[in-house]
Amino acid sequence: PDSEAQQLVDRIGAKLVAHVNRMAKYGEPIEYPFEFHLLADEKMINAFALPGGQIFITAALFRKLENEDQLAGVLGHEVGHVIGKHSNEQMSKSGLLRSVGTGIGVAVGGEDMVQAGQVSAMVSQVLATKYGRSDEYESDRIGCWLMSYAGYEPREMLGVLEILKQAAEGARPPEILSTHPYPENRIEEIKRI
């Protein structure tokens, strides 16, 4: 809805993407056609990435950010998901995780199909979220490195996580059942970079 804000998102995204090949594993070039989108959602504080380089940030999160460095942190983190191929990996792992969960559910639940199903779902959820949490930490690291390479202050990522922490106040699931580590844990990890 805001062409000036969209231009800012595009400009910062382009500065970050100019450095993605510094993150390439084994010297393989990263050639995704990255595009950055500011969504008109004024309620949900969120950003996400799709495989192939489509990066989204909601207006609600955009308006909470205090400076360009924090915007670079959000976008860099999402670029990290793309170049880390986290969505691709999650999709390929989901079938395996369901199979492992089913096997454990049957072993624990025995002939009680309801209990076996419940155990299976719980095990699959815990295994999937563990992978999701490690991807979040990796994307935080990649985002900080991209910020630094592009001339932004990586410590501003701490401010982004404080915003996310405040947005998550109240009822939240135990971290082991969440796809994202708690913001306070991510803050501690970033301080170590």
Protein backbone atom coordinates (compact mmCIF):
# COMPACT_ATOMS: atom_id res chain seq x y z
CA PRO A 1 0.00 0.00 0.00
CA ASP A 2 2.98 2.31 0.53
CA SER A 3 5.19 2.65 -2.54
CA GLU A 4 7.86 4.59 -0.65
CA ALA A 5 8.10 1.88 2.00
CA GLN A 6 8.17 -0.81 -0.71
CA GLN A 7 11.07 1.00 -2.41
CA LEU A 8 12.95 1.02 0.89
CA VAL A 9 12.35 -2.73 1.32
CA ASP A 10 13.54 -3.32 -2.27
CA ARG A 11 16.65 -1.15 -1.83
CA ILE A 12 17.75 -2.80 1.42
CA GLY A 13 16.94 -6.25 0.05
CA ALA A 14 19.10 -5.58 -3.02
CA LYS A 15 22.02 -4.44 -0.83
CA LEU A 16 21.83 -7.69 1.12
CA VAL A 17 21.41 -9.91 -1.93
CA ALA A 18 24.51 -8.37 -3.49
CA HIS A 19 26.46 -10.38 -0.89
CA VAL A 20 24.68 -13.75 -0.93
CA ASN A 21 27.47 -15.50 -2.80
CA ARG A 22 29.74 -14.84 0.16
CA MET A 23 27.49 -17.35 1.93
CA ALA A 24 27.74 -19.97 -0.85
CA LYS A 25 28.68 -23.44 0.34
CA TYR A 26 31.46 -25.14 -1.57
CA GLY A 27 31.76 -22.20 -3.96
CA GLU A 28 28.43 -22.94 -5.68
CA PRO A 29 26.87 -19.65 -6.84
CA ILE A 30 23.49 -18.67 -5.41
CA GLU A 31 21.30 -17.52 -8.25
CA TYR A 32 17.81 -17.06 -6.87
CA PRO A 33 15.73 -14.23 -8.36
CA PHE A 34 15.10 -12.57 -4.99
CA GLU A 35 12.03 -10.34 -4.73
CA PHE A 36 10.89 -8.45 -1.66
CA HIS A 37 7.25 -7.77 -0.83
CA LEU A 38 5.66 -5.50 1.77
CA LEU A 39 2.27 -6.97 2.66
CA ALA A 40 -0.64 -4.73 3.68
CA ASP A 41 -1.29 -6.78 6.85
CA GLU A 42 -1.36 -4.25 9.71
CA LYS A 43 -2.13 -6.83 12.42
CA MET A 44 0.24 -9.77 12.13
CA ILE A 45 3.87 -9.07 13.04
CA ASN A 46 5.64 -11.44 10.69
CA ALA A 47 8.08 -12.01 7.86
CA PHE A 48 8.65 -15.16 5.86
CA ALA A 49 10.38 -16.55 2.80
CA LEU A 50 9.34 -18.97 0.11
CA PRO A 51 11.70 -21.30 -1.75
CA GLY A 52 13.20 -19.58 -4.75
CA GLY A 53 13.68 -16.13 -3.25
CA GLN A 54 10.30 -14.56 -2.52
CA ILE A 55 10.65 -12.60 0.75
CA PHE A 56 7.66 -11.08 2.58
CA ILE A 57 7.34 -8.68 5.50
CA THR A 58 4.04 -7.46 6.91
CA ALA A 59 3.29 -3.79 7.37
CA ALA A 60 2.70 -4.51 11.07
CA LEU A 61 6.30 -5.65 11.55
CA PHE A 62 7.68 -3.00 9.19
CA ARG A 63 6.06 -0.21 11.25
CA LYS A 64 7.52 -1.56 14.51
CA LEU A 65 11.10 -1.45 13.22
CA GLU A 66 13.12 1.52 14.45
CA ASN A 67 15.66 1.91 11.63
CA GLU A 68 16.98 0.59 8.32
CA ASP A 69 19.44 -1.70 10.09
CA GLN A 70 16.58 -3.55 11.78
CA LEU A 71 14.80 -3.89 8.44
CA ALA A 72 18.04 -5.29 7.01
CA GLY A 73 18.07 -7.76 9.91
CA VAL A 74 14.57 -9.03 9.14
CA LEU A 75 15.23 -9.29 5.41
CA GLY A 76 18.69 -10.81 5.91
CA HIS A 77 17.23 -13.47 8.20
CA GLU A 78 14.63 -14.38 5.54
CA VAL A 79 17.29 -14.44 2.81
CA GLY A 80 19.14 -16.85 5.11
CA HIS A 81 16.18 -19.22 5.00
CA VAL A 82 16.23 -19.17 1.19
CA ILE A 83 19.95 -19.73 0.73
CA GLY A 84 19.94 -22.30 3.54
CA LYS A 85 17.16 -24.10 1.61
CA HIS A 86 15.27 -24.49 4.85
CA SER A 87 11.81 -24.76 3.29
CA ASN A 88 13.06 -27.35 0.80
CA GLU A 89 14.66 -29.36 3.61
CA GLN A 90 11.55 -29.15 5.79
CA MET A 91 9.37 -30.46 2.96
CA SER A 92 11.67 -33.39 2.26
CA LYS A 93 12.09 -34.19 5.98
CA SER A 94 8.37 -34.03 6.76
CA GLY A 95 7.66 -37.44 5.22
CA LEU A 96 10.55 -39.05 7.10
CA LEU A 97 9.54 -37.39 10.37
CA ARG A 98 5.95 -38.61 10.00
CA SER A 99 7.25 -42.16 9.42
CA VAL A 100 9.49 -42.01 12.51
CA GLY A 101 6.64 -40.57 14.57
CA THR A 102 4.27 -43.27 13.36
CA GLY A 103 6.77 -46.00 14.22
CA ILE A 104 7.31 -44.67 17.74
CA GLY A 105 3.56 -44.10 18.17
CA VAL A 106 2.78 -47.72 17.26
CA ALA A 107 5.58 -49.01 19.52
CA VAL A 108 4.37 -46.98 22.50
CA GLY A 109 0.63 -47.12 21.86
CA GLY A 110 0.47 -50.78 20.93
CA GLU A 111 -3.00 -51.77 19.83
CA ASP A 112 -4.62 -48.57 21.14
CA MET A 113 -4.83 -46.71 17.82
CA VAL A 114 -5.95 -43.44 19.44
CA GLN A 115 -2.98 -43.42 21.81
CA ALA A 116 -0.64 -44.49 18.99
CA GLY A 117 -1.94 -41.62 16.86
CA GLN A 118 -1.48 -39.11 19.67
CA VAL A 119 2.08 -40.26 20.41
CA SER A 120 2.88 -40.28 16.69
CA ALA A 121 1.64 -36.71 16.23
CA MET A 122 3.54 -35.48 19.31
CA VAL A 123 6.82 -37.14 18.27
CA SER A 124 6.51 -35.85 14.70
CA GLN A 125 5.82 -32.32 16.01
CA VAL A 126 8.80 -32.34 18.37
CA LEU A 127 11.16 -33.66 15.68
CA ALA A 128 9.93 -31.14 13.08
CA THR A 129 10.19 -28.16 15.41
CA LYS A 130 13.72 -29.13 16.43
CA TYR A 131 14.75 -28.85 12.79
CA GLY A 132 12.85 -25.56 12.52
CA ARG A 133 14.63 -24.07 15.55
CA SER A 134 18.10 -24.94 14.23
CA ASP A 135 17.16 -23.33 10.90
CA GLU A 136 16.18 -20.15 12.76
CA TYR A 137 19.57 -19.94 14.45
CA GLU A 138 21.34 -20.52 11.13
CA SER A 139 19.22 -17.82 9.45
CA ASP A 140 20.03 -15.40 12.27
CA ARG A 141 23.76 -16.01 11.69
CA ILE A 142 23.45 -15.62 7.91
CA GLY A 143 21.34 -12.49 8.36
CA CYS A 144 23.95 -10.92 10.65
CA TRP A 145 26.76 -11.71 8.24
CA LEU A 146 24.81 -10.28 5.29
CA MET A 147 24.03 -7.16 7.32
CA SER A 148 27.71 -6.68 8.07
CA TYR A 149 28.78 -7.23 4.46
CA ALA A 150 26.14 -4.73 3.27
CA GLY A 151 27.23 -2.06 5.76
CA TYR A 152 24.46 -2.48 8.33
CA GLU A 153 24.95 -2.90 12.07
CA PRO A 154 24.35 -6.59 12.96
CA ARG A 155 23.68 -5.76 16.63
CA GLU A 156 20.43 -4.15 15.47
CA MET A 157 19.14 -7.71 15.03
CA LEU A 158 18.87 -7.71 18.82
CA GLY A 159 16.32 -4.90 18.56
CA VAL A 160 14.31 -6.94 16.06
CA LEU A 161 14.23 -9.86 18.47
CA GLU A 162 13.11 -7.57 21.29
CA ILE A 163 10.20 -6.48 19.06
CA LEU A 164 9.34 -10.13 18.40
CA LYS A 165 9.64 -10.92 22.11
CA GLN A 166 7.17 -8.14 22.98
CA ALA A 167 4.79 -9.30 20.25
CA ALA A 168 4.86 -12.84 21.65
CA GLU A 169 4.13 -11.78 25.25
CA GLY A 170 1.41 -13.77 26.91
CA ALA A 171 0.52 -17.34 26.16
CA ARG A 172 3.13 -19.15 24.11
CA PRO A 173 3.80 -22.84 23.76
CA PRO A 174 6.81 -24.45 25.41
CA GLU A 175 9.86 -23.88 23.21
CA ILE A 176 10.16 -27.60 22.46
CA LEU A 177 6.76 -27.41 20.70
CA SER A 178 7.51 -24.22 18.81
CA THR A 179 9.07 -23.90 15.36
CA HIS A 180 10.99 -20.84 16.53
CA PRO A 181 13.33 -20.60 19.50
CA TYR A 182 12.22 -18.09 22.09
CA PRO A 183 13.50 -14.62 21.15
CA GLU A 184 15.54 -14.41 24.36
CA ASN A 185 17.44 -17.57 23.32
CA ARG A 186 18.03 -16.18 19.85
CA ILE A 187 19.33 -12.96 21.44
CA GLU A 188 21.90 -14.95 23.41
CA GLU A 189 23.00 -16.82 20.26
CA ILE A 190 23.40 -13.59 18.28
CA LYS A 191 25.51 -12.07 21.04
CA ARG A 192 27.96 -14.94 20.47
CA ILE A 193 28.40 -14.25 16.73
